[in-house]
Protein backbone atom coordinates (compact mmCIF):
# COMPACT_ATOMS: atom_id res chain seq x y z
CA MET A 1 16.85 -26.02 15.46
CA LYS A 2 15.13 -25.89 12.09
CA ILE A 3 15.52 -22.69 10.06
CA SER A 4 13.40 -21.55 7.10
CA ILE A 5 14.83 -18.81 4.87
CA ILE A 6 12.44 -16.97 2.55
CA GLN A 7 14.21 -15.64 -0.55
CA ALA A 8 11.72 -13.30 -2.18
CA SER A 9 11.35 -10.25 -4.41
CA PRO A 10 9.62 -7.62 -2.25
CA PHE A 11 7.32 -5.01 -3.72
CA TRP A 12 9.03 -1.61 -3.89
CA GLU A 13 8.04 0.71 -1.06
CA SER A 14 4.71 -1.07 -0.46
CA ILE A 15 4.25 -2.26 3.09
CA GLU A 16 0.71 -3.52 2.46
CA GLU A 17 1.69 -5.68 -0.52
CA ASN A 18 4.75 -7.06 1.24
CA LEU A 19 2.84 -8.13 4.33
CA LYS A 20 0.51 -10.07 2.03
CA LEU A 21 3.47 -11.52 0.15
CA PHE A 22 5.29 -12.77 3.22
CA THR A 23 2.11 -14.01 4.90
CA ALA A 24 1.57 -16.32 1.93
CA LYS A 25 5.19 -17.46 1.82
CA ILE A 26 5.36 -18.16 5.56
CA GLU A 27 2.23 -20.29 5.28
CA SER A 28 4.16 -22.59 2.93
CA THR A 29 7.03 -23.24 5.36
CA SER A 30 7.24 -26.48 7.33
CA THR A 31 5.05 -26.57 10.41
CA ASP A 32 7.97 -27.73 12.55
CA THR A 33 10.28 -24.84 11.68
CA ASN A 34 11.64 -22.91 14.66
CA LEU A 35 12.97 -19.75 13.02
CA ILE A 36 11.85 -17.95 9.85
CA LEU A 37 14.32 -15.51 8.28
CA LEU A 38 13.17 -12.66 5.99
CA PRO A 39 15.27 -10.19 3.94
CA GLU A 40 16.57 -6.76 4.95
CA MET A 41 13.85 -4.08 4.77
CA PHE A 42 11.38 -6.77 3.75
CA THR A 43 8.37 -4.43 3.78
CA THR A 44 9.87 -1.71 1.54
CA GLY A 45 13.00 -2.83 -0.25
CA PHE A 46 16.32 -1.02 0.29
CA THR A 47 14.86 2.45 -0.17
CA MET A 48 16.75 5.69 0.36
CA LYS A 49 13.44 7.55 0.66
CA PRO A 50 12.44 6.33 4.12
CA ARG A 51 10.23 9.28 4.91
CA GLU A 52 8.01 8.36 1.98
CA CYS A 53 7.57 4.95 3.62
CA ASP A 54 5.99 6.09 6.85
CA ALA A 55 8.26 4.73 9.59
CA SER A 56 5.28 4.70 11.95
CA GLU A 57 4.22 1.61 9.99
CA ALA A 58 6.97 -0.21 11.90
CA GLU A 59 4.49 -0.71 14.74
CA ARG A 60 2.01 -2.32 12.37
CA THR A 61 4.71 -4.58 10.93
CA LEU A 62 5.84 -5.60 14.41
CA ASP A 63 2.25 -6.48 15.31
CA TRP A 64 2.13 -8.66 12.20
CA MET A 65 5.43 -10.33 13.16
CA LEU A 66 4.18 -10.97 16.69
CA GLN A 67 0.90 -12.49 15.51
CA THR A 68 2.65 -14.60 12.88
CA SER A 69 5.25 -15.79 15.36
CA MET A 70 2.64 -16.84 17.90
CA VAL A 71 0.52 -18.65 15.30
CA ARG A 72 3.48 -20.46 13.75
CA LYS A 73 5.22 -21.05 17.09
CA ALA A 74 8.46 -19.90 15.45
CA ALA A 75 10.68 -16.85 15.69
CA ILE A 76 10.25 -14.33 12.84
CA VAL A 77 13.33 -12.27 11.94
CA GLY A 78 13.84 -9.45 9.42
CA SER A 79 14.70 -5.77 9.20
CA ILE A 80 12.43 -2.76 8.76
CA ILE A 81 12.55 1.04 8.76
CA ALA A 82 11.94 2.30 12.29
CA ARG A 83 12.18 5.47 14.36
CA LYS A 84 14.59 5.89 17.24
CA GLU A 85 13.75 9.13 18.98
CA ASN A 86 13.83 11.64 16.09
CA LYS A 87 16.03 9.50 13.82
CA LEU A 88 15.43 6.71 11.34
CA VAL A 89 17.21 3.36 11.63
CA ASN A 90 17.46 0.13 9.68
CA ARG A 91 16.25 -2.13 12.48
CA MET A 92 16.40 -5.91 12.70
CA ALA A 93 13.63 -7.41 14.80
CA PHE A 94 13.90 -10.86 16.35
CA VAL A 95 10.35 -11.73 17.37
CA MET A 96 9.71 -14.84 19.50
CA PRO A 97 6.50 -16.88 19.95
CA ASN A 98 6.32 -15.89 23.63
CA GLY A 99 5.99 -12.23 22.63
CA GLN A 100 9.56 -11.23 23.41
CA VAL A 101 11.15 -8.89 20.85
CA VAL A 102 14.84 -8.03 20.52
CA PHE A 103 16.10 -5.23 18.27
CA TYR A 104 19.40 -4.61 16.51
CA ASP A 105 20.03 -1.33 14.65
CA LYS A 106 22.38 -1.71 11.67
CA ARG A 107 25.90 -0.62 12.60
CA HIS A 108 27.54 -0.32 9.17
CA LEU A 109 25.52 1.84 6.79
CA PHE A 110 26.17 1.37 3.07
CA ARG A 111 27.56 4.74 2.07
CA MET A 112 27.84 3.78 -1.62
CA ALA A 113 24.05 3.93 -1.75
CA GLY A 114 23.80 6.93 0.59
CA GLU A 115 22.36 4.90 3.47
CA HIS A 116 24.45 6.89 5.94
CA ASN A 117 22.68 10.08 4.79
CA GLN A 118 19.19 8.72 5.44
CA TYR A 119 19.60 6.50 8.50
CA SER A 120 21.43 6.61 11.81
CA ALA A 121 23.92 3.88 12.68
CA GLY A 122 23.42 1.62 15.66
CA ASN A 123 26.18 1.20 18.22
CA GLN A 124 25.15 -1.94 20.11
CA ARG A 125 26.20 -5.45 19.17
CA VAL A 126 23.25 -7.75 19.93
CA VAL A 127 23.22 -11.44 20.85
CA VAL A 128 19.83 -13.13 21.36
CA SER A 129 19.13 -16.25 23.41
CA TYR A 130 16.61 -18.57 21.77
CA MET A 131 16.03 -22.32 22.20
CA GLY A 132 19.40 -22.70 23.88
CA TRP A 133 21.21 -20.96 21.02
CA ARG A 134 23.15 -17.72 21.31
CA ILE A 135 22.44 -15.77 18.12
CA LEU A 136 24.30 -12.74 16.75
CA LEU A 137 22.20 -10.32 14.68
CA THR A 138 23.77 -8.65 11.63
CA ILE A 139 22.49 -6.81 8.57
CA CYS A 140 23.94 -6.97 5.05
CA TYR A 141 27.02 -4.66 4.93
CA ASP A 142 27.99 -5.72 8.48
CA LEU A 143 29.40 -8.87 6.86
CA ARG A 144 32.38 -6.92 5.54
CA PHE A 145 33.55 -6.01 9.04
CA PRO A 146 35.01 -9.08 10.79
CA VAL A 147 35.90 -7.23 14.01
CA TRP A 148 32.21 -6.35 14.54
CA CYS A 149 31.25 -9.96 13.79
CA ARG A 150 34.07 -11.53 15.80
CA ASN A 151 32.94 -14.32 18.08
CA ARG A 152 33.90 -13.51 21.68
CA ASN A 153 32.86 -17.01 22.68
CA ASP A 154 29.40 -15.53 23.11
CA TYR A 155 27.42 -16.83 20.13
CA ASP A 156 26.72 -20.02 18.18
CA LEU A 157 24.75 -18.79 15.18
CA MET A 158 25.08 -15.61 13.12
CA LEU A 159 22.01 -14.33 11.26
CA ASN A 160 22.31 -11.91 8.37
CA VAL A 161 19.43 -10.33 6.45
CA ALA A 162 20.40 -8.54 3.28
CA ASN A 163 19.84 -6.66 0.05
CA PHE A 164 23.22 -7.68 -1.40
CA PRO A 165 23.41 -6.92 -5.16
CA ASP A 166 24.06 -9.52 -7.82
CA GLU A 167 27.19 -7.69 -9.01
CA ARG A 168 28.82 -8.50 -5.67
CA SER A 169 27.49 -12.04 -5.28
CA TYR A 170 31.04 -13.44 -5.17
CA ALA A 171 31.78 -11.27 -2.15
CA TRP A 172 28.49 -12.30 -0.52
CA ASN A 173 29.19 -16.02 -0.89
CA SER A 174 32.82 -15.65 0.18
CA LEU A 175 32.09 -13.52 3.24
CA LEU A 176 29.42 -15.88 4.57
CA VAL A 177 31.83 -18.82 4.46
CA ALA A 178 34.65 -16.74 5.95
CA ARG A 179 32.52 -15.54 8.86
CA ALA A 180 31.45 -19.13 9.62
CA ILE A 181 35.00 -20.51 9.57
CA GLU A 182 36.74 -17.74 11.51
CA ASN A 183 34.05 -17.62 14.19
CA GLN A 184 33.41 -21.38 14.37
CA CYS A 185 29.69 -20.80 14.14
CA PHE A 186 26.71 -21.55 11.94
CA VAL A 187 25.67 -18.73 9.60
CA ALA A 188 22.15 -18.34 8.20
CA ALA A 189 21.68 -15.56 5.64
CA CYS A 190 18.64 -14.32 3.75
CA ASN A 191 19.11 -12.16 0.64
CA ARG A 192 16.40 -10.86 -1.67
CA VAL A 193 16.05 -11.47 -5.41
CA GLY A 194 14.66 -9.43 -8.31
CA ILE A 195 15.14 -5.84 -9.40
CA ASP A 196 14.25 -3.06 -6.96
CA GLY A 197 12.88 0.42 -7.60
CA SER A 198 16.36 1.87 -8.03
CA GLY A 199 17.19 -0.61 -10.80
CA THR A 200 19.50 -2.80 -8.69
CA ASN A 201 19.41 -6.54 -9.36
CA TYR A 202 19.74 -9.13 -6.59
CA SER A 203 20.64 -12.80 -7.12
CA GLY A 204 19.71 -14.05 -3.64
CA ASP A 205 22.09 -16.93 -2.86
CA SER A 206 20.47 -17.28 0.57
CA GLN A 207 22.14 -20.06 2.53
CA VAL A 208 23.09 -21.84 5.73
CA VAL A 209 26.79 -22.51 6.37
CA ASP A 210 28.22 -24.79 9.05
CA PRO A 211 31.23 -23.97 11.32
CA MET A 212 33.61 -25.72 8.91
CA GLY A 213 32.51 -23.51 6.02
CA GLN A 214 30.42 -26.22 4.35
CA ILE A 215 27.13 -25.08 2.82
CA VAL A 216 24.26 -26.95 4.46
CA ALA A 217 21.52 -25.50 2.24
CA LYS A 218 21.48 -22.89 -0.51
CA ALA A 219 18.71 -21.28 -2.57
CA ASN A 220 18.91 -21.23 -6.34
CA PRO A 221 20.04 -17.80 -7.54
CA ASN A 222 17.65 -15.36 -9.22
CA SER A 223 14.49 -17.12 -8.15
CA GLU A 224 12.03 -16.85 -5.30
CA SER A 225 12.28 -19.87 -3.05
CA THR A 226 12.26 -21.08 0.53
CA ILE A 227 15.09 -23.22 1.87
CA GLU A 228 15.10 -25.12 5.14
CA ALA A 229 17.90 -26.61 7.21
CA SER A 230 18.30 -28.22 10.61
CA ILE A 231 21.36 -27.25 12.61
CA SER A 232 22.80 -28.92 15.70
CA LEU A 233 24.39 -27.49 18.83
CA GLU A 234 25.92 -30.91 19.45
CA GLN A 235 27.71 -30.74 16.10
CA LEU A 236 28.92 -27.23 16.88
CA HIS A 237 30.31 -28.26 20.28
CA GLU A 238 32.07 -31.27 18.74
CA ILE A 239 33.75 -29.08 16.13
CA ARG A 240 34.90 -26.55 18.72
CA ALA A 241 36.17 -29.30 21.03
CA SER A 242 38.12 -31.08 18.30
CA PHE A 243 39.61 -27.88 16.85
CA PRO A 244 39.59 -25.24 19.64
CA ALA A 245 40.95 -22.33 17.62
CA HIS A 246 38.87 -19.94 19.69
CA LEU A 247 41.25 -20.49 22.61
CA ASP A 248 44.01 -18.74 20.63
CA ALA A 249 41.94 -15.78 19.47
CA ASP A 250 43.37 -12.28 19.93
CA ARG A 251 41.76 -10.01 22.48
CA PHE A 252 40.42 -6.65 21.36
CA GLU A 253 37.94 -3.90 22.18
CA ILE A 254 35.58 -2.05 19.84
CA LEU A 255 35.71 1.68 20.52
């Protein structure tokens, strides 16, 4: 499977401008890419004023993702502000060319920015099936919680979309490698760059990591760019067969 990761600097709280931005950037990706990964809250930035960014626009954004996915014949993945009943959620959408859409609502809300005061936490771990791959969906802060991310022998690739600040870039880079090694999986992560409306700076460091913790592809920090990488299920199965650490994993339940 070929993955394209778009590391960009979204316009602050401007859905219209961001749809134009990402339309242009997706057009520059390789025509044979199978999955295009966008940042967390790619249409607004990591805003704590969600009601000023009309959450009803989620439907419009999803329509855009569906159309783009069908035209490009590739899955489009990113997170947006959405409504769930009478609550707001940070929702990751995995949109496939056949029109199928799978959602994951962010489980771990970043309290240091007050995210838990503005959004409701999800409670369902989500694994998507796509092109023979089993794919775990995670958003930003979820990376810090290995029990939530723990591979139960049910996924091959972890996706993470993020607004992970530059001041914690060491943690970002370390956690991505750790999650890949401990779960014997590929990890593909898209982080934004630039300075957002709250004054927070983001270095990006978007990357793809293999099950041994080796970085397959990595974007240059502090610059808008698109990186692409091809990953192999055959390689993954060979690694797991030659070093079957998963057979000795501890059993647990998430309450």
